[in-house]
């Protein structure tokens, strides 16, 4: 089995938890925890902090598994939200947020 780099949340379930801030960053871990608590959170996914580490450790390249994991997560979000990314008639509207293992207000 390949290493997990993408953590989905939606449909009342999350791959992550609040105690995974080092892996998911503060925003990602908190979104996962809100889903786990049953709060209404739109479907989405978090790319783990390990991808950034991998990128810098491997000459500015991404893990081979990342693209498939991203596409799989995007399909889940599309299904959950009833829209399609890039579709002119029914576009999936997304928000992209940066996050880090440690909170650094004003730095990103």
N, C-alpha and C. Protein backbone atom coordinates (compact mmCIF):
# COMPACT_ATOMS: atom_id res chain seq x y z
N UNK A 1 0.84 -1.19 0.00
CA UNK A 1 0.00 0.00 0.00
C UNK A 1 0.89 1.25 0.00
N UNK A 2 0.48 2.23 -0.76
CA UNK A 2 1.27 3.46 -0.84
C UNK A 2 1.00 4.37 0.35
N UNK A 3 1.91 5.27 0.58
CA UNK A 3 1.81 6.23 1.67
C UNK A 3 0.66 7.20 1.39
N UNK A 4 -0.09 7.52 2.41
CA UNK A 4 -1.20 8.46 2.26
C UNK A 4 -0.69 9.89 2.38
N UNK A 5 -0.97 10.68 1.35
CA UNK A 5 -0.59 12.09 1.33
C UNK A 5 -1.81 13.01 1.34
N UNK A 6 -2.98 12.50 0.97
CA UNK A 6 -4.19 13.30 0.86
C UNK A 6 -5.24 12.74 1.82
N UNK A 7 -5.80 13.63 2.64
CA UNK A 7 -6.74 13.25 3.69
C UNK A 7 -8.09 13.91 3.41
N UNK A 8 -9.09 13.10 3.08
CA UNK A 8 -10.43 13.58 2.73
C UNK A 8 -11.25 13.86 3.98
N UNK A 9 -12.14 14.84 3.87
CA UNK A 9 -13.17 15.04 4.89
C UNK A 9 -14.47 15.40 4.18
N UNK A 10 -15.56 14.82 4.65
CA UNK A 10 -16.88 15.07 4.07
C UNK A 10 -17.78 13.88 4.31
N UNK A 11 -19.05 14.06 4.01
CA UNK A 11 -20.05 13.00 4.19
C UNK A 11 -20.05 12.48 5.62
N UNK A 12 -19.76 13.36 6.58
CA UNK A 12 -19.77 12.97 7.99
C UNK A 12 -18.57 12.17 8.44
N UNK A 13 -17.55 12.03 7.58
CA UNK A 13 -16.36 11.26 7.93
C UNK A 13 -15.10 12.04 7.58
N UNK A 14 -14.04 11.79 8.33
CA UNK A 14 -12.76 12.44 8.03
C UNK A 14 -11.64 11.44 8.20
N UNK A 15 -10.67 11.51 7.31
CA UNK A 15 -9.49 10.65 7.43
C UNK A 15 -8.59 11.11 8.57
N UNK A 16 -8.68 12.39 8.93
CA UNK A 16 -7.81 12.95 9.96
C UNK A 16 -8.49 13.14 11.30
N UNK A 17 -7.70 13.66 12.25
CA UNK A 17 -8.18 13.93 13.61
C UNK A 17 -7.48 15.19 14.14
N UNK A 18 -7.97 15.71 15.25
CA UNK A 18 -7.41 16.91 15.85
C UNK A 18 -5.95 16.73 16.26
N UNK A 19 -5.57 15.52 16.64
CA UNK A 19 -4.20 15.30 17.12
C UNK A 19 -3.18 15.11 15.98
N UNK A 20 -3.60 15.36 14.75
CA UNK A 20 -2.72 15.17 13.59
C UNK A 20 -2.21 16.51 13.04
N UNK A 21 -2.06 17.52 13.89
CA UNK A 21 -1.63 18.85 13.43
C UNK A 21 -0.25 18.82 12.78
N UNK A 22 0.64 17.98 13.26
CA UNK A 22 1.97 17.91 12.67
C UNK A 22 1.91 17.39 11.23
N UNK A 23 0.94 16.55 10.94
CA UNK A 23 0.78 15.95 9.61
C UNK A 23 -0.12 16.77 8.71
N UNK A 24 -1.22 17.31 9.27
CA UNK A 24 -2.23 18.00 8.47
C UNK A 24 -2.18 19.51 8.58
N UNK A 25 -1.33 20.03 9.46
CA UNK A 25 -1.36 21.46 9.74
C UNK A 25 -2.55 21.78 10.63
N UNK A 26 -2.55 22.94 11.21
CA UNK A 26 -3.63 23.32 12.12
C UNK A 26 -4.99 23.36 11.46
N UNK A 27 -5.08 23.98 10.29
CA UNK A 27 -6.37 24.09 9.59
C UNK A 27 -6.90 22.71 9.21
N UNK A 28 -6.04 21.88 8.63
CA UNK A 28 -6.47 20.55 8.20
C UNK A 28 -6.93 19.68 9.35
N UNK A 29 -6.19 19.70 10.46
CA UNK A 29 -6.56 18.90 11.63
C UNK A 29 -7.86 19.41 12.23
N UNK A 30 -8.03 20.73 12.27
CA UNK A 30 -9.26 21.29 12.85
C UNK A 30 -10.47 21.04 11.97
N UNK A 31 -10.31 21.09 10.65
CA UNK A 31 -11.43 20.75 9.76
C UNK A 31 -11.84 19.29 9.96
N UNK A 32 -10.86 18.40 10.03
CA UNK A 32 -11.16 16.99 10.27
C UNK A 32 -11.90 16.81 11.59
N UNK A 33 -11.45 17.49 12.62
CA UNK A 33 -12.08 17.35 13.93
C UNK A 33 -13.50 17.88 13.93
N UNK A 34 -13.75 18.99 13.22
CA UNK A 34 -15.11 19.51 13.14
C UNK A 34 -16.04 18.50 12.48
N UNK A 35 -15.56 17.84 11.42
CA UNK A 35 -16.36 16.79 10.77
C UNK A 35 -16.60 15.65 11.75
N UNK A 36 -15.56 15.23 12.47
CA UNK A 36 -15.69 14.14 13.43
C UNK A 36 -16.66 14.47 14.56
N UNK A 37 -16.81 15.75 14.86
CA UNK A 37 -17.76 16.19 15.90
C UNK A 37 -19.18 16.32 15.37
N UNK A 38 -19.35 16.15 14.05
CA UNK A 38 -20.68 16.24 13.46
C UNK A 38 -21.08 17.64 13.02
N UNK A 39 -20.13 18.56 13.00
CA UNK A 39 -20.44 19.92 12.56
C UNK A 39 -20.54 19.96 11.04
N UNK A 40 -21.36 20.87 10.50
CA UNK A 40 -21.49 20.94 9.03
C UNK A 40 -20.26 21.59 8.40
N UNK A 41 -19.51 20.80 7.67
CA UNK A 41 -18.30 21.26 6.99
C UNK A 41 -18.40 20.79 5.54
N UNK A 42 -18.25 21.71 4.57
CA UNK A 42 -18.27 21.26 3.17
C UNK A 42 -17.14 20.26 2.91
N UNK A 43 -17.39 19.34 2.00
CA UNK A 43 -16.38 18.32 1.67
C UNK A 43 -15.11 18.97 1.15
N UNK A 44 -13.99 18.32 1.45
CA UNK A 44 -12.70 18.81 0.99
C UNK A 44 -11.61 17.82 1.30
N UNK A 45 -10.38 18.26 1.16
CA UNK A 45 -9.25 17.39 1.49
C UNK A 45 -8.06 18.25 1.87
N UNK A 46 -7.16 17.62 2.60
CA UNK A 46 -5.93 18.26 3.04
C UNK A 46 -4.75 17.48 2.47
N UNK A 47 -3.80 18.20 1.92
CA UNK A 47 -2.55 17.61 1.46
C UNK A 47 -1.59 17.67 2.64
N UNK A 48 -1.03 16.54 3.02
CA UNK A 48 -0.22 16.47 4.23
C UNK A 48 1.06 17.30 4.13
N UNK A 49 1.58 17.67 5.28
CA UNK A 49 2.83 18.42 5.34
C UNK A 49 4.00 17.59 4.81
N UNK A 50 3.83 16.27 4.78
CA UNK A 50 4.89 15.40 4.27
C UNK A 50 5.17 15.64 2.78
N UNK A 51 4.19 16.17 2.05
CA UNK A 51 4.40 16.47 0.64
C UNK A 51 5.43 17.59 0.49
N UNK A 52 5.34 18.59 1.33
CA UNK A 52 6.31 19.70 1.30
C UNK A 52 7.71 19.18 1.63
N UNK A 53 7.80 18.37 2.66
CA UNK A 53 9.09 17.79 3.04
C UNK A 53 9.66 16.95 1.90
N UNK A 54 8.82 16.13 1.29
CA UNK A 54 9.24 15.29 0.17
C UNK A 54 9.75 16.16 -0.98
N UNK A 55 9.00 17.20 -1.29
CA UNK A 55 9.35 18.11 -2.39
C UNK A 55 10.77 18.66 -2.23
N UNK A 56 11.08 19.13 -1.05
CA UNK A 56 12.41 19.71 -0.82
C UNK A 56 13.50 18.65 -0.71
N UNK A 57 13.15 17.46 -0.25
CA UNK A 57 14.13 16.38 -0.13
C UNK A 57 14.40 15.64 -1.44
N UNK A 58 13.54 15.85 -2.45
CA UNK A 58 13.65 15.11 -3.71
C UNK A 58 13.75 16.04 -4.92
N UNK A 59 14.61 17.04 -4.81
CA UNK A 59 14.92 17.91 -5.95
C UNK A 59 13.68 18.53 -6.59
N UNK A 60 12.80 19.08 -5.76
CA UNK A 60 11.60 19.79 -6.21
C UNK A 60 10.65 18.91 -7.03
N UNK A 61 10.49 17.66 -6.60
CA UNK A 61 9.54 16.77 -7.25
C UNK A 61 8.53 16.28 -6.21
N UNK A 62 7.39 15.82 -6.71
CA UNK A 62 6.32 15.35 -5.83
C UNK A 62 6.31 13.83 -5.77
N UNK A 63 5.73 13.26 -4.71
CA UNK A 63 5.62 11.80 -4.64
C UNK A 63 4.80 11.27 -5.82
N UNK A 64 5.18 10.12 -6.32
CA UNK A 64 4.48 9.52 -7.47
C UNK A 64 3.01 9.27 -7.17
N UNK A 65 2.68 8.95 -5.93
CA UNK A 65 1.30 8.61 -5.55
C UNK A 65 0.40 9.84 -5.45
N UNK A 66 0.97 11.02 -5.39
CA UNK A 66 0.20 12.22 -5.08
C UNK A 66 -0.89 12.52 -6.10
N UNK A 67 -0.58 12.47 -7.38
CA UNK A 67 -1.57 12.84 -8.39
C UNK A 67 -2.82 11.97 -8.30
N UNK A 68 -2.65 10.66 -8.20
CA UNK A 68 -3.82 9.77 -8.11
C UNK A 68 -4.62 10.06 -6.85
N UNK A 69 -3.94 10.26 -5.73
CA UNK A 69 -4.64 10.56 -4.48
C UNK A 69 -5.41 11.88 -4.58
N UNK A 70 -4.83 12.88 -5.23
CA UNK A 70 -5.53 14.16 -5.41
C UNK A 70 -6.76 13.98 -6.29
N UNK A 71 -6.62 13.27 -7.39
CA UNK A 71 -7.75 13.07 -8.29
C UNK A 71 -8.86 12.26 -7.62
N UNK A 72 -8.49 11.25 -6.84
CA UNK A 72 -9.49 10.46 -6.11
C UNK A 72 -10.24 11.33 -5.10
N UNK A 73 -9.50 12.17 -4.38
CA UNK A 73 -10.14 13.05 -3.39
C UNK A 73 -11.03 14.07 -4.08
N UNK A 74 -10.59 14.60 -5.20
CA UNK A 74 -11.39 15.57 -5.94
C UNK A 74 -12.69 14.94 -6.42
N UNK A 75 -12.64 13.70 -6.88
CA UNK A 75 -13.86 13.00 -7.31
C UNK A 75 -14.84 12.84 -6.14
N UNK A 76 -14.31 12.53 -4.96
CA UNK A 76 -15.17 12.41 -3.78
C UNK A 76 -15.83 13.75 -3.45
N UNK A 77 -15.07 14.83 -3.55
CA UNK A 77 -15.62 16.16 -3.28
C UNK A 77 -16.69 16.49 -4.32
N UNK A 78 -16.42 16.20 -5.58
CA UNK A 78 -17.40 16.46 -6.64
C UNK A 78 -18.69 15.69 -6.37
N UNK A 79 -18.58 14.44 -5.99
CA UNK A 79 -19.76 13.63 -5.69
C UNK A 79 -20.53 14.20 -4.51
N UNK A 80 -19.82 14.54 -3.46
CA UNK A 80 -20.45 15.07 -2.25
C UNK A 80 -21.14 16.41 -2.51
N UNK A 81 -20.53 17.25 -3.32
CA UNK A 81 -21.05 18.60 -3.55
C UNK A 81 -21.98 18.68 -4.76
N UNK A 82 -22.04 17.63 -5.57
CA UNK A 82 -22.92 17.64 -6.74
C UNK A 82 -22.49 18.63 -7.81
N UNK A 83 -21.20 18.83 -7.96
CA UNK A 83 -20.66 19.75 -8.95
C UNK A 83 -19.35 19.16 -9.49
N UNK A 84 -18.86 19.75 -10.59
CA UNK A 84 -17.64 19.21 -11.21
C UNK A 84 -16.61 20.31 -11.38
N UNK A 85 -15.39 20.02 -10.97
CA UNK A 85 -14.28 20.96 -11.07
C UNK A 85 -14.02 21.30 -12.54
N UNK A 86 -14.04 22.57 -12.88
CA UNK A 86 -13.78 23.01 -14.24
C UNK A 86 -14.98 22.99 -15.16
N UNK A 87 -16.14 22.58 -14.68
CA UNK A 87 -17.35 22.50 -15.50
C UNK A 87 -17.97 23.89 -15.65
N UNK A 88 -18.28 24.28 -16.87
CA UNK A 88 -18.85 25.61 -17.11
C UNK A 88 -20.30 25.71 -16.63
N UNK A 89 -21.04 24.63 -16.68
CA UNK A 89 -22.46 24.65 -16.31
C UNK A 89 -22.69 24.47 -14.81
N UNK A 90 -21.91 23.62 -14.18
CA UNK A 90 -22.10 23.31 -12.76
C UNK A 90 -20.72 23.22 -12.09
N UNK A 91 -20.05 24.36 -11.95
CA UNK A 91 -18.68 24.33 -11.45
C UNK A 91 -18.58 24.04 -9.96
N UNK A 92 -17.57 23.27 -9.60
CA UNK A 92 -17.25 23.06 -8.20
C UNK A 92 -16.43 24.26 -7.74
N UNK A 93 -16.96 25.00 -6.79
CA UNK A 93 -16.25 26.16 -6.26
C UNK A 93 -15.40 25.71 -5.09
N UNK A 94 -14.14 26.09 -5.10
CA UNK A 94 -13.21 25.63 -4.07
C UNK A 94 -12.51 26.80 -3.40
N UNK A 95 -11.98 26.52 -2.24
CA UNK A 95 -11.14 27.46 -1.51
C UNK A 95 -9.83 26.74 -1.22
N UNK A 96 -8.73 27.38 -1.52
CA UNK A 96 -7.41 26.80 -1.27
C UNK A 96 -6.75 27.61 -0.17
N UNK A 97 -6.35 26.93 0.88
CA UNK A 97 -5.74 27.59 2.04
C UNK A 97 -4.40 26.96 2.34
N UNK A 98 -3.45 27.78 2.69
CA UNK A 98 -2.16 27.25 3.11
C UNK A 98 -2.22 26.93 4.60
N UNK A 99 -1.37 26.06 5.03
CA UNK A 99 -1.29 25.71 6.44
C UNK A 99 0.11 25.24 6.76
N UNK A 100 0.40 25.14 8.02
CA UNK A 100 1.73 24.70 8.44
C UNK A 100 1.62 23.89 9.71
N UNK A 101 2.70 23.20 10.03
CA UNK A 101 2.73 22.42 11.27
C UNK A 101 2.63 23.33 12.48
N UNK A 102 3.16 24.54 12.35
CA UNK A 102 3.17 25.50 13.45
C UNK A 102 2.49 26.78 12.98
N UNK A 103 1.66 27.37 13.83
CA UNK A 103 0.97 28.60 13.49
C UNK A 103 1.97 29.75 13.37
N UNK A 104 1.88 30.48 12.25
CA UNK A 104 2.74 31.65 12.02
C UNK A 104 1.90 32.77 11.44
N UNK A 105 1.06 33.42 12.25
CA UNK A 105 0.18 34.47 11.74
C UNK A 105 0.96 35.54 10.98
N UNK A 106 0.42 35.92 9.83
CA UNK A 106 1.03 36.97 9.03
C UNK A 106 2.18 36.52 8.16
N UNK A 107 2.58 35.27 8.26
CA UNK A 107 3.74 34.78 7.51
C UNK A 107 3.36 34.13 6.18
N UNK A 108 2.11 33.69 6.02
CA UNK A 108 1.74 33.00 4.79
C UNK A 108 0.65 33.74 4.08
